[in-house]
Amino acid sequence: MPDLQGLRRLVGGVRLEQPVRRYIVQIARATREHPDLQVGASPRSIEHMGDAVRAAAFLDGRTYVLPDDVKALVSPALAHRLVLTTDARIRDRRVEEVLDDVMERVPVPVEFQGA
């Protein structure tokens, strides 16, 4: 069984193609521009999201990341990093609802090649 450093190397070898990278960046940008968010996703959160989706692909037995990996991990990876505006809190908005809005607006990459 590989040690932790070995696992990190294996996960680091999972391909994160440019269209999927752009998808993650567009999602983060959309959170920073969303009117219900005071604080959106930071550049560091983009980096961590990349690590998370690589790990998810690895655990799924793939050597490449799919846009679906990003979709599945957006809320778990970003929700705790976002801060609602006072107005959004008054309206009882939840960060997860805002992320759903963001995901509906950001186009999923179609030029992705995958395997």
PDB file of N, CA and C in Angstrom:
ATOM      1  N   MET A   1       0.839  -1.175   0.000  1.00  0.00           N
ATOM      2  CA  MET A   1       0.000   0.000   0.000  1.00  0.00           C
ATOM      3  C   MET A   1       0.891   1.246   0.000  1.00  0.00           C
ATOM      4  N   PRO A   2       0.603   2.216  -0.897  1.00  0.00           N
ATOM      5  CA  PRO A   2       1.435   3.409  -0.960  1.00  0.00           C
ATOM      6  C   PRO A   2       1.289   4.257   0.304  1.00  0.00           C
ATOM      7  N   ASP A   3       2.374   4.945   0.649  1.00  0.00           N
ATOM      8  CA  ASP A   3       2.309   5.867   1.772  1.00  0.00           C
ATOM      9  C   ASP A   3       1.623   7.157   1.323  1.00  0.00           C
ATOM     10  N   LEU A   4       1.468   8.090   2.250  1.00  0.00           N
ATOM     11  CA  LEU A   4       0.758   9.338   1.950  1.00  0.00           C
ATOM     12  C   LEU A   4       1.421  10.109   0.814  1.00  0.00           C
ATOM     13  N   GLN A   5       2.736  10.181   0.832  1.00  0.00           N
ATOM     14  CA  GLN A   5       3.441  10.895  -0.243  1.00  0.00           C
ATOM     15  C   GLN A   5       3.225  10.194  -1.590  1.00  0.00           C
ATOM     16  N   GLY A   6       3.213   8.870  -1.559  1.00  0.00           N
ATOM     17  CA  GLY A   6       2.956   8.116  -2.782  1.00  0.00           C
ATOM     18  C   GLY A   6       1.563   8.368  -3.327  1.00  0.00           C
ATOM     19  N   LEU A   7       0.588   8.410  -2.424  1.00  0.00           N
ATOM     20  CA  LEU A   7      -0.785   8.704  -2.844  1.00  0.00           C
ATOM     21  C   LEU A   7      -0.886  10.113  -3.425  1.00  0.00           C
ATOM     22  N   ARG A   8      -0.215  11.060  -2.798  1.00  0.00           N
ATOM     23  CA  ARG A   8      -0.228  12.437  -3.320  1.00  0.00           C
ATOM     24  C   ARG A   8       0.354  12.493  -4.722  1.00  0.00           C
ATOM     25  N   ARG A   9       1.426  11.756  -4.956  1.00  0.00           N
ATOM     26  CA  ARG A   9       2.021  11.713  -6.297  1.00  0.00           C
ATOM     27  C   ARG A   9       1.037  11.111  -7.304  1.00  0.00           C
ATOM     28  N   LEU A  10       0.360  10.030  -6.898  1.00  0.00           N
ATOM     29  CA  LEU A  10      -0.608   9.397  -7.796  1.00  0.00           C
ATOM     30  C   LEU A  10      -1.757  10.353  -8.126  1.00  0.00           C
ATOM     31  N   VAL A  11      -2.288  11.007  -7.111  1.00  0.00           N
ATOM     32  CA  VAL A  11      -3.379  11.969  -7.322  1.00  0.00           C
ATOM     33  C   VAL A  11      -2.883  13.138  -8.164  1.00  0.00           C
ATOM     34  N   GLY A  12      -1.663  13.593  -7.907  1.00  0.00           N
ATOM     35  CA  GLY A  12      -1.088  14.695  -8.688  1.00  0.00           C
ATOM     36  C   GLY A  12      -0.923  14.348 -10.156  1.00  0.00           C
ATOM     37  N   GLY A  13      -0.858  13.065 -10.461  1.00  0.00           N
ATOM     38  CA  GLY A  13      -0.733  12.633 -11.850  1.00  0.00           C
ATOM     39  C   GLY A  13      -2.056  12.588 -12.606  1.00  0.00           C
ATOM     40  N   VAL A  14      -3.159  12.812 -11.913  1.00  0.00           N
ATOM     41  CA  VAL A  14      -4.471  12.832 -12.564  1.00  0.00           C
ATOM     42  C   VAL A  14      -4.569  14.097 -13.411  1.00  0.00           C
ATOM     43  N   ARG A  15      -4.951  13.940 -14.667  1.00  0.00           N
ATOM     44  CA  ARG A  15      -5.014  15.078 -15.595  1.00  0.00           C
ATOM     45  C   ARG A  15      -6.200  15.983 -15.296  1.00  0.00           C
ATOM     46  N   LEU A  16      -5.912  17.272 -15.257  1.00  0.00           N
ATOM     47  CA  LEU A  16      -6.933  18.300 -15.114  1.00  0.00           C
ATOM     48  C   LEU A  16      -6.800  19.179 -16.353  1.00  0.00           C
ATOM     49  N   GLU A  17      -7.537  18.801 -17.398  1.00  0.00           N
ATOM     50  CA  GLU A  17      -7.417  19.468 -18.699  1.00  0.00           C
ATOM     51  C   GLU A  17      -7.861  20.932 -18.624  1.00  0.00           C
ATOM     52  N   GLN A  18      -7.351  21.720 -19.549  1.00  0.00           N
ATOM     53  CA  GLN A  18      -7.604  23.158 -19.563  1.00  0.00           C
ATOM     54  C   GLN A  18      -9.092  23.531 -19.548  1.00  0.00           C
ATOM     55  N   PRO A  19      -9.952  22.876 -20.319  1.00  0.00           N
ATOM     56  CA  PRO A  19     -11.375  23.247 -20.247  1.00  0.00           C
ATOM     57  C   PRO A  19     -11.973  23.069 -18.850  1.00  0.00           C
ATOM     58  N   VAL A  20     -11.548  22.034 -18.140  1.00  0.00           N
ATOM     59  CA  VAL A  20     -12.068  21.803 -16.794  1.00  0.00           C
ATOM     60  C   VAL A  20     -11.446  22.806 -15.822  1.00  0.00           C
ATOM     61  N   ARG A  21     -10.175  23.156 -16.024  1.00  0.00           N
ATOM     62  CA  ARG A  21      -9.542  24.207 -15.212  1.00  0.00           C
ATOM     63  C   ARG A  21     -10.306  25.521 -15.368  1.00  0.00           C
ATOM     64  N   ARG A  22     -10.596  25.859 -16.620  1.00  0.00           N
ATOM     65  CA  ARG A  22     -11.344  27.108 -16.883  1.00  0.00           C
ATOM     66  C   ARG A  22     -12.719  27.063 -16.225  1.00  0.00           C
ATOM     67  N   TYR A  23     -13.346  25.910 -16.245  1.00  0.00           N
ATOM     68  CA  TYR A  23     -14.654  25.725 -15.615  1.00  0.00           C
ATOM     69  C   TYR A  23     -14.576  26.056 -14.122  1.00  0.00           C
ATOM     70  N   ILE A  24     -13.559  25.544 -13.455  1.00  0.00           N
ATOM     71  CA  ILE A  24     -13.376  25.831 -12.026  1.00  0.00           C
ATOM     72  C   ILE A  24     -13.157  27.318 -11.802  1.00  0.00           C
ATOM     73  N   VAL A  25     -12.337  27.928 -12.628  1.00  0.00           N
ATOM     74  CA  VAL A  25     -12.066  29.367 -12.493  1.00  0.00           C
ATOM     75  C   VAL A  25     -13.331  30.179 -12.747  1.00  0.00           C
ATOM     76  N   GLN A  26     -14.105  29.795 -13.755  1.00  0.00           N
ATOM     77  CA  GLN A  26     -15.357  30.518 -14.046  1.00  0.00           C
ATOM     78  C   GLN A  26     -16.347  30.398 -12.891  1.00  0.00           C
ATOM     79  N   ILE A  27     -16.409  29.250 -12.261  1.00  0.00           N
ATOM     80  CA  ILE A  27     -17.293  29.071 -11.104  1.00  0.00           C
ATOM     81  C   ILE A  27     -16.849  30.001  -9.976  1.00  0.00           C
ATOM     82  N   ALA A  28     -15.556  30.017  -9.704  1.00  0.00           N
ATOM     83  CA  ALA A  28     -15.036  30.880  -8.639  1.00  0.00           C
ATOM     84  C   ALA A  28     -15.316  32.346  -8.952  1.00  0.00           C
ATOM     85  N   ARG A  29     -15.080  32.743 -10.184  1.00  0.00           N
ATOM     86  CA  ARG A  29     -15.342  34.132 -10.587  1.00  0.00           C
ATOM     87  C   ARG A  29     -16.819  34.470 -10.420  1.00  0.00           C
ATOM     88  N   ALA A  30     -17.672  33.549 -10.797  1.00  0.00           N
ATOM     89  CA  ALA A  30     -19.118  33.784 -10.672  1.00  0.00           C
ATOM     90  C   ALA A  30     -19.524  33.960  -9.216  1.00  0.00           C
ATOM     91  N   THR A  31     -18.849  33.257  -8.297  1.00  0.00           N
ATOM     92  CA  THR A  31     -19.180  33.464  -6.878  1.00  0.00           C
ATOM     93  C   THR A  31     -18.757  34.853  -6.429  1.00  0.00           C
ATOM     94  N   ARG A  32     -17.644  35.345  -6.950  1.00  0.00           N
ATOM     95  CA  ARG A  32     -17.178  36.680  -6.559  1.00  0.00           C
ATOM     96  C   ARG A  32     -18.067  37.779  -7.137  1.00  0.00           C
ATOM     97  N   GLU A  33     -18.759  37.464  -8.209  1.00  0.00           N
ATOM     98  CA  GLU A  33     -19.623  38.453  -8.861  1.00  0.00           C
ATOM     99  C   GLU A  33     -21.092  38.318  -8.466  1.00  0.00           C
ATOM    100  N   HIS A  34     -21.443  37.285  -7.723  1.00  0.00           N
ATOM    101  CA  HIS A  34     -22.846  37.043  -7.376  1.00  0.00           C
ATOM    102  C   HIS A  34     -23.334  38.092  -6.382  1.00  0.00           C
ATOM    103  N   PRO A  35     -24.486  38.701  -6.650  1.00  0.00           N
ATOM    104  CA  PRO A  35     -24.973  39.771  -5.783  1.00  0.00           C
ATOM    105  C   PRO A  35     -25.341  39.336  -4.365  1.00  0.00           C
ATOM    106  N   ASP A  36     -25.548  38.053  -4.138  1.00  0.00           N
ATOM    107  CA  ASP A  36     -25.893  37.578  -2.804  1.00  0.00           C
ATOM    108  C   ASP A  36     -24.673  37.190  -1.965  1.00  0.00           C
ATOM    109  N   LEU A  37     -23.485  37.322  -2.543  1.00  0.00           N
ATOM    110  CA  LEU A  37     -22.284  36.942  -1.809  1.00  0.00           C
ATOM    111  C   LEU A  37     -21.406  38.154  -1.533  1.00  0.00           C
ATOM    112  N   GLN A  38     -21.052  38.301  -0.282  1.00  0.00           N
ATOM    113  CA  GLN A  38     -20.127  39.351   0.129  1.00  0.00           C
ATOM    114  C   GLN A  38     -18.695  38.909  -0.147  1.00  0.00           C
ATOM    115  N   VAL A  39     -18.421  37.625   0.093  1.00  0.00           N
ATOM    116  CA  VAL A  39     -17.108  37.042  -0.158  1.00  0.00           C
ATOM    117  C   VAL A  39     -17.306  35.801  -1.016  1.00  0.00           C
ATOM    118  N   GLY A  40     -16.644  35.784  -2.168  1.00  0.00           N
ATOM    119  CA  GLY A  40     -16.714  34.633  -3.060  1.00  0.00           C
ATOM    120  C   GLY A  40     -15.491  33.746  -2.909  1.00  0.00           C
ATOM    121  N   ALA A  41     -15.354  32.817  -3.810  1.00  0.00           N
ATOM    122  CA  ALA A  41     -14.248  31.855  -3.786  1.00  0.00           C
ATOM    123  C   ALA A  41     -12.929  32.555  -4.104  1.00  0.00           C
ATOM    124  N   SER A  42     -11.923  32.256  -3.311  1.00  0.00           N
ATOM    125  CA  SER A  42     -10.601  32.865  -3.455  1.00  0.00           C
ATOM    126  C   SER A  42      -9.740  32.072  -4.438  1.00  0.00           C
ATOM    127  N   PRO A  43      -8.614  32.650  -4.856  1.00  0.00           N
ATOM    128  CA  PRO A  43      -7.679  31.882  -5.689  1.00  0.00           C
ATOM    129  C   PRO A  43      -7.222  30.595  -4.995  1.00  0.00           C
ATOM    130  N   ARG A  44      -7.033  30.650  -3.692  1.00  0.00           N
ATOM    131  CA  ARG A  44      -6.629  29.443  -2.967  1.00  0.00           C
ATOM    132  C   ARG A  44      -7.710  28.371  -3.055  1.00  0.00           C
ATOM    133  N   SER A  45      -8.974  28.783  -3.028  1.00  0.00           N
ATOM    134  CA  SER A  45     -10.055  27.796  -3.124  1.00  0.00           C
ATOM    135  C   SER A  45     -10.067  27.123  -4.490  1.00  0.00           C
ATOM    136  N   ILE A  46      -9.643  27.854  -5.517  1.00  0.00           N
ATOM    137  CA  ILE A  46      -9.532  27.258  -6.856  1.00  0.00           C
ATOM    138  C   ILE A  46      -8.481  26.150  -6.835  1.00  0.00           C
ATOM    139  N   GLU A  47      -7.361  26.431  -6.193  1.00  0.00           N
ATOM    140  CA  GLU A  47      -6.290  25.438  -6.080  1.00  0.00           C
ATOM    141  C   GLU A  47      -6.768  24.203  -5.320  1.00  0.00           C
ATOM    142  N   HIS A  48      -7.460  24.426  -4.223  1.00  0.00           N
ATOM    143  CA  HIS A  48      -7.959  23.298  -3.423  1.00  0.00           C
ATOM    144  C   HIS A  48      -9.035  22.513  -4.178  1.00  0.00           C
ATOM    145  N   MET A  49      -9.844  23.215  -4.947  1.00  0.00           N
ATOM    146  CA  MET A  49     -10.862  22.541  -5.757  1.00  0.00           C
ATOM    147  C   MET A  49     -10.185  21.631  -6.784  1.00  0.00           C
ATOM    148  N   GLY A  50      -9.105  22.115  -7.383  1.00  0.00           N
ATOM    149  CA  GLY A  50      -8.352  21.282  -8.323  1.00  0.00           C
ATOM    150  C   GLY A  50      -7.823  20.022  -7.665  1.00  0.00           C
ATOM    151  N   ASP A  51      -7.305  20.164  -6.453  1.00  0.00           N
ATOM    152  CA  ASP A  51      -6.813  18.985  -5.708  1.00  0.00           C
ATOM    153  C   ASP A  51      -7.961  18.019  -5.410  1.00  0.00           C
ATOM    154  N   ALA A  52      -9.093  18.570  -4.995  1.00  0.00           N
ATOM    155  CA  ALA A  52     -10.237  17.730  -4.623  1.00  0.00           C
ATOM    156  C   ALA A  52     -10.775  16.950  -5.815  1.00  0.00           C
ATOM    157  N   VAL A  53     -10.896  17.599  -6.969  1.00  0.00           N
ATOM    158  CA  VAL A  53     -11.454  16.891  -8.124  1.00  0.00           C
ATOM    159  C   VAL A  53     -10.471  15.860  -8.665  1.00  0.00           C
ATOM    160  N   ARG A  54      -9.181  16.132  -8.540  1.00  0.00           N
ATOM    161  CA  ARG A  54      -8.186  15.117  -8.929  1.00  0.00           C
ATOM    162  C   ARG A  54      -8.323  13.892  -8.026  1.00  0.00           C
ATOM    163  N   ALA A  55      -8.461  14.133  -6.732  1.00  0.00           N
ATOM    164  CA  ALA A  55      -8.603  13.021  -5.786  1.00  0.00           C
ATOM    165  C   ALA A  55      -9.880  12.230  -6.070  1.00  0.00           C
ATOM    166  N   ALA A  56     -10.968  12.935  -6.384  1.00  0.00           N
ATOM    167  CA  ALA A  56     -12.227  12.248  -6.694  1.00  0.00           C
ATOM    168  C   ALA A  56     -12.082  11.374  -7.931  1.00  0.00           C
ATOM    169  N   ALA A  57     -11.424  11.899  -8.952  1.00  0.00           N
ATOM    170  CA  ALA A  57     -11.213  11.112 -10.171  1.00  0.00           C
ATOM    171  C   ALA A  57     -10.348   9.889  -9.873  1.00  0.00           C
ATOM    172  N   PHE A  58      -9.295  10.094  -9.089  1.00  0.00           N
ATOM    173  CA  PHE A  58      -8.409   8.987  -8.716  1.00  0.00           C
ATOM    174  C   PHE A  58      -9.178   7.900  -7.975  1.00  0.00           C
ATOM    175  N   LEU A  59      -9.992   8.313  -7.008  1.00  0.00           N
ATOM    176  CA  LEU A  59     -10.780   7.346  -6.232  1.00  0.00           C
ATOM    177  C   LEU A  59     -11.810   6.624  -7.095  1.00  0.00           C
ATOM    178  N   ASP A  60     -12.193   7.274  -8.202  1.00  0.00           N
ATOM    179  CA  ASP A  60     -13.137   6.653  -9.129  1.00  0.00           C
ATOM    180  C   ASP A  60     -12.404   5.795 -10.168  1.00  0.00           C
ATOM    181  N   GLY A  61     -11.085   5.702 -10.042  1.00  0.00           N
ATOM    182  CA  GLY A  61     -10.305   4.851 -10.937  1.00  0.00           C
ATOM    183  C   GLY A  61      -9.946   5.486 -12.263  1.00  0.00           C
ATOM    184  N   ARG A  62     -10.035   6.826 -12.344  1.00  0.00           N
ATOM    185  CA  ARG A  62      -9.712   7.518 -13.595  1.00  0.00           C
ATOM    186  C   ARG A  62      -8.399   8.275 -13.484  1.00  0.00           C
ATOM    187  N   THR A  63      -7.788   8.521 -14.628  1.00  0.00           N
ATOM    188  CA  THR A  63      -6.554   9.307 -14.694  1.00  0.00           C
ATOM    189  C   THR A  63      -6.830  10.716 -15.207  1.00  0.00           C
ATOM    190  N   TYR A  64      -8.074  11.119 -15.243  1.00  0.00           N
ATOM    191  CA  TYR A  64      -8.474  12.436 -15.737  1.00  0.00           C
ATOM    192  C   TYR A  64      -9.722  12.894 -14.977  1.00  0.00           C
ATOM    193  N   VAL A  65      -9.885  14.216 -14.900  1.00  0.00           N
ATOM    194  CA  VAL A  65     -11.020  14.817 -14.197  1.00  0.00           C
ATOM    195  C   VAL A  65     -12.129  15.114 -15.198  1.00  0.00           C
ATOM    196  N   LEU A  66     -13.355  14.845 -14.796  1.00  0.00           N
ATOM    197  CA  LEU A  66     -14.539  15.166 -15.591  1.00  0.00           C
ATOM    198  C   LEU A  66     -15.227  16.413 -15.026  1.00  0.00           C
ATOM    199  N   PRO A  67     -15.948  17.154 -15.857  1.00  0.00           N
ATOM    200  CA  PRO A  67     -16.745  18.259 -15.326  1.00  0.00           C
ATOM    201  C   PRO A  67     -17.709  17.802 -14.235  1.00  0.00           C
ATOM    202  N   ASP A  68     -18.181  16.562 -14.320  1.00  0.00           N
ATOM    203  CA  ASP A  68     -19.075  16.035 -13.287  1.00  0.00           C
ATOM    204  C   ASP A  68     -18.394  15.941 -11.924  1.00  0.00           C
ATOM    205  N   ASP A  69     -17.077  15.736 -11.905  1.00  0.00           N
ATOM    206  CA  ASP A  69     -16.346  15.734 -10.637  1.00  0.00           C
ATOM    207  C   ASP A  69     -16.434  17.124 -10.002  1.00  0.00           C
ATOM    208  N   VAL A  70     -16.296  18.141 -10.828  1.00  0.00           N
ATOM    209  CA  VAL A  70     -16.387  19.527 -10.346  1.00  0.00           C
ATOM    210  C   VAL A  70     -17.784  19.780  -9.796  1.00  0.00           C
ATOM    211  N   LYS A  71     -18.800  19.405 -10.557  1.00  0.00           N
ATOM    212  CA  LYS A  71     -20.183  19.619 -10.114  1.00  0.00           C
ATOM    213  C   LYS A  71     -20.446  18.950  -8.763  1.00  0.00           C
ATOM    214  N   ALA A  72     -19.941  17.743  -8.602  1.00  0.00           N
ATOM    215  CA  ALA A  72     -20.194  16.987  -7.375  1.00  0.00           C
ATOM    216  C   ALA A  72     -19.503  17.605  -6.163  1.00  0.00           C
ATOM    217  N   LEU A  73     -18.401  18.303  -6.381  1.00  0.00           N
ATOM    218  CA  LEU A  73     -17.616  18.798  -5.248  1.00  0.00           C
ATOM    219  C   LEU A  73     -17.739  20.297  -5.007  1.00  0.00           C
ATOM    220  N   VAL A  74     -18.483  20.992  -5.836  1.00  0.00           N
ATOM    221  CA  VAL A  74     -18.592  22.447  -5.660  1.00  0.00           C
ATOM    222  C   VAL A  74     -19.081  22.806  -4.265  1.00  0.00           C
ATOM    223  N   SER A  75     -20.182  22.260  -3.855  1.00  0.00           N
ATOM    224  CA  SER A  75     -20.730  22.633  -2.551  1.00  0.00           C
ATOM    225  C   SER A  75     -19.833  22.190  -1.392  1.00  0.00           C
ATOM    226  N   PRO A  76     -19.397  20.923  -1.350  1.00  0.00           N
ATOM    227  CA  PRO A  76     -18.529  20.532  -0.239  1.00  0.00           C
ATOM    228  C   PRO A  76     -17.206  21.312  -0.193  1.00  0.00           C
ATOM    229  N   ALA A  77     -16.679  21.678  -1.359  1.00  0.00           N
ATOM    230  CA  ALA A  77     -15.380  22.345  -1.392  1.00  0.00           C
ATOM    231  C   ALA A  77     -15.461  23.857  -1.195  1.00  0.00           C
ATOM    232  N   LEU A  78     -16.579  24.471  -1.598  1.00  0.00           N
ATOM    233  CA  LEU A  78     -16.634  25.934  -1.581  1.00  0.00           C
ATOM    234  C   LEU A  78     -17.595  26.550  -0.571  1.00  0.00           C
ATOM    235  N   ALA A  79     -18.645  25.852  -0.202  1.00  0.00           N
ATOM    236  CA  ALA A  79     -19.710  26.472   0.597  1.00  0.00           C
ATOM    237  C   ALA A  79     -19.183  27.119   1.875  1.00  0.00           C
ATOM    238  N   HIS A  80     -18.275  26.479   2.561  1.00  0.00           N
ATOM    239  CA  HIS A  80     -17.780  27.024   3.830  1.00  0.00           C
ATOM    240  C   HIS A  80     -16.878  28.244   3.634  1.00  0.00           C
ATOM    241  N   ARG A  81     -16.469  28.512   2.402  1.00  0.00           N
ATOM    242  CA  ARG A  81     -15.581  29.639   2.111  1.00  0.00           C
ATOM    243  C   ARG A  81     -16.343  30.902   1.702  1.00  0.00           C
ATOM    244  N   LEU A  82     -17.621  30.778   1.452  1.00  0.00           N
ATOM    245  CA  LEU A  82     -18.413  31.888   0.925  1.00  0.00           C
ATOM    246  C   LEU A  82     -19.179  32.577   2.049  1.00  0.00           C
ATOM    247  N   VAL A  83     -19.361  33.892   1.900  1.00  0.00           N
ATOM    248  CA  VAL A  83     -20.079  34.670   2.906  1.00  0.00           C
ATOM    249  C   VAL A  83     -21.230  35.398   2.230  1.00  0.00           C
ATOM    250  N   LEU A  84     -22.427  35.139   2.719  1.00  0.00           N
ATOM    251  CA  LEU A  84     -23.622  35.800   2.183  1.00  0.00           C
ATOM    252  C   LEU A  84     -23.639  37.278   2.571  1.00  0.00           C
ATOM    253  N   THR A  85     -24.275  38.095   1.745  1.00  0.00           N
ATOM    254  CA  THR A  85     -24.506  39.491   2.107  1.00  0.00           C
ATOM    255  C   THR A  85     -25.555  39.538   3.212  1.00  0.00           C
ATOM    256  N   THR A  86     -25.612  40.654   3.896  1.00  0.00           N
ATOM    257  CA  THR A  86     -26.628  40.835   4.941  1.00  0.00           C
ATOM    258  C   THR A  86     -28.023  40.695   4.340  1.00  0.00           C
ATOM    259  N   ASP A  87     -28.232  41.302   3.182  1.00  0.00           N
ATOM    260  CA  ASP A  87     -29.538  41.223   2.520  1.00  0.00           C
ATOM    261  C   ASP A  87     -29.921  39.775   2.210  1.00  0.00           C
ATOM    262  N   ALA A  88     -28.964  39.001   1.728  1.00  0.00           N
ATOM    263  CA  ALA A  88     -29.243  37.587   1.418  1.00  0.00           C
ATOM    264  C   ALA A  88     -29.600  36.813   2.683  1.00  0.00           C
ATOM    265  N   ARG A  89     -28.905  37.100   3.778  1.00  0.00           N
ATOM    266  CA  ARG A  89     -29.218  36.421   5.055  1.00  0.00           C
ATOM    267  C   ARG A  89     -30.611  36.804   5.536  1.00  0.00           C
ATOM    268  N   ILE A  90     -30.970  38.076   5.380  1.00  0.00           N
ATOM    269  CA  ILE A  90     -32.311  38.528   5.780  1.00  0.00           C
ATOM    270  C   ILE A  90     -33.380  37.791   4.974  1.00  0.00           C
ATOM    271  N   ARG A  91     -33.075  37.541   3.711  1.00  0.00           N
ATOM    272  CA  ARG A  91     -34.015  36.814   2.849  1.00  0.00           C
ATOM    273  C   ARG A  91     -33.926  35.305   3.036  1.00  0.00           C
ATOM    274  N   ASP A  92     -33.177  34.871   4.025  1.00  0.00           N
ATOM    275  CA  ASP A  92     -33.009  33.444   4.341  1.00  0.00           C
ATOM    276  C   ASP A  92     -32.398  32.628   3.203  1.00  0.00           C
ATOM    277  N   ARG A  93     -31.530  33.278   2.429  1.00  0.00           N
ATOM    278  CA  ARG A  93     -30.806  32.536   1.393  1.00  0.00           C
ATOM    279  C   ARG A  93     -29.767  31.654   2.060  1.00  0.00           C
ATOM    280  N   ARG A  94     -29.465  30.558   1.435  1.00  0.00           N
ATOM    281  CA  ARG A  94     -28.398  29.669   1.905  1.00  0.00           C
ATOM    282  C   ARG A  94     -27.289  29.671   0.867  1.00  0.00           C
ATOM    283  N   VAL A  95     -26.087  29.490   1.321  1.00  0.00           N
ATOM    284  CA  VAL A  95     -24.938  29.466   0.416  1.00  0.00           C
ATOM    285  C   VAL A  95     -25.134  28.391  -0.655  1.00  0.00           C
ATOM    286  N   GLU A  96     -25.675  27.245  -0.266  1.00  0.00           N
ATOM    287  CA  GLU A  96     -25.888  26.162  -1.231  1.00  0.00           C
ATOM    288  C   GLU A  96     -26.847  26.580  -2.346  1.00  0.00           C
ATOM    289  N   GLU A  97     -27.846  27.400  -2.018  1.00  0.00           N
ATOM    290  CA  GLU A  97     -28.768  27.912  -3.046  1.00  0.00           C
ATOM    291  C   GLU A  97     -28.037  28.834  -4.011  1.00  0.00           C
ATOM    292  N   VAL A  98     -27.166  29.660  -3.467  1.00  0.00           N
ATOM    293  CA  VAL A  98     -26.392  30.561  -4.318  1.00  0.00           C
ATOM    294  C   VAL A  98     -25.472  29.747  -5.225  1.00  0.00           C
ATOM    295  N   LEU A  99     -24.846  28.719  -4.684  1.00  0.00           N
ATOM    296  CA  LEU A  99     -23.999  27.857  -5.517  1.00  0.00           C
ATOM    297  C   LEU A  99     -24.815  27.173  -6.610  1.00  0.00           C
ATOM    298  N   ASP A 100     -26.031  26.776  -6.300  1.00  0.00           N
ATOM    299  CA  ASP A 100     -26.904  26.205  -7.334  1.00  0.00           C
ATOM    300  C   ASP A 100     -27.145  27.227  -8.446  1.00  0.00           C
ATOM    301  N   ASP A 101     -27.390  28.498  -8.068  1.00  0.00           N
ATOM    302  CA  ASP A 101     -27.560  29.565  -9.062  1.00  0.00           C
ATOM    303  C   ASP A 101     -26.317  29.692  -9.935  1.00  0.00           C
ATOM    304  N   VAL A 102     -25.163  29.705  -9.279  1.00  0.00           N
ATOM    305  CA  VAL A 102     -23.895  29.833 -10.002  1.00  0.00           C
ATOM    306  C   VAL A 102     -23.735  28.690 -10.989  1.00  0.00           C
ATOM    307  N   MET A 103     -23.993  27.472 -10.536  1.00  0.00           N
ATOM    308  CA  MET A 103     -23.794  26.310 -11.398  1.00  0.00           C
ATOM    309  C   MET A 103     -24.753  26.299 -12.588  1.00  0.00           C
ATOM    310  N   GLU A 104     -25.927  26.865 -12.412  1.00  0.00           N
ATOM    311  CA  GLU A 104     -26.869  26.958 -13.530  1.00  0.00           C
ATOM    312  C   GLU A 104     -26.386  27.964 -14.579  1.00  0.00           C
ATOM    313  N   ARG A 105     -25.629  28.951 -14.157  1.00  0.00           N
ATOM    314  CA  ARG A 105     -25.198  30.029 -15.056  1.00  0.00           C
ATOM    315  C   ARG A 105     -23.861  29.769 -15.746  1.00  0.00           C
ATOM    316  N   VAL A 106     -23.011  28.986 -15.126  1.00  0.00           N
ATOM    317  CA  VAL A 106     -21.685  28.733 -15.698  1.00  0.00           C
ATOM    318  C   VAL A 106     -21.788  27.551 -16.661  1.00  0.00           C
ATOM    319  N   PRO A 107     -21.431  27.783 -17.931  1.00  0.00           N
ATOM    320  CA  PRO A 107     -21.547  26.695 -18.904  1.00  0.00           C
ATOM    321  C   PRO A 107     -20.556  25.563 -18.637  1.00  0.00           C
ATOM    322  N   VAL A 108     -21.031  24.350 -18.785  1.00  0.00           N
ATOM    323  CA  VAL A 108     -20.197  23.165 -18.624  1.00  0.00           C
ATOM    324  C   VAL A 108     -19.359  23.012 -19.891  1.00  0.00           C
ATOM    325  N   PRO A 109     -18.074  22.734 -19.741  1.00  0.00           N
ATOM    326  CA  PRO A 109     -17.233  22.587 -20.936  1.00  0.00           C
ATOM    327  C   PRO A 109     -17.694  21.400 -21.783  1.00  0.00           C
ATOM    328  N   VAL A 110     -17.842  21.660 -23.082  1.00  0.00           N
ATOM    329  CA  VAL A 110     -18.253  20.587 -23.999  1.00  0.00           C
ATOM    330  C   VAL A 110     -17.097  20.089 -24.836  1.00  0.00           C
ATOM    331  N   GLU A 111     -16.002  20.863 -24.870  1.00  0.00           N
ATOM    332  CA  GLU A 111     -14.863  20.457 -25.681  1.00  0.00           C
ATOM    333  C   GLU A 111     -13.935  19.523 -24.916  1.00  0.00           C
ATOM    334  N   PHE A 112     -14.384  19.090 -23.738  1.00  0.00           N
ATOM    335  CA  PHE A 112     -13.559  18.219 -22.901  1.00  0.00           C
ATOM    336  C   PHE A 112     -13.314  16.893 -23.612  1.00  0.00           C
ATOM    337  N   GLN A 113     -12.069  16.425 -23.558  1.00  0.00           N
ATOM    338  CA  GLN A 113     -11.689  15.207 -24.256  1.00  0.00           C
ATOM    339  C   GLN A 113     -11.639  13.982 -23.346  1.00  0.00           C
ATOM    340  N   GLY A 114     -11.384  14.209 -22.042  1.00  0.00           N
ATOM    341  CA  GLY A 114     -11.370  13.091 -21.095  1.00  0.00           C
ATOM    342  C   GLY A 114     -10.293  12.072 -21.390  1.00  0.00           C
ATOM    343  N   ALA A 115     -10.699  10.827 -21.437  1.00  0.00           N
ATOM    344  CA  ALA A 115      -9.749   9.737 -21.641  1.00  0.00           C
ATOM    345  C   ALA A 115      -9.131   9.885 -23.006  1.00  0.00           C
TER     346      ALA A 115
END
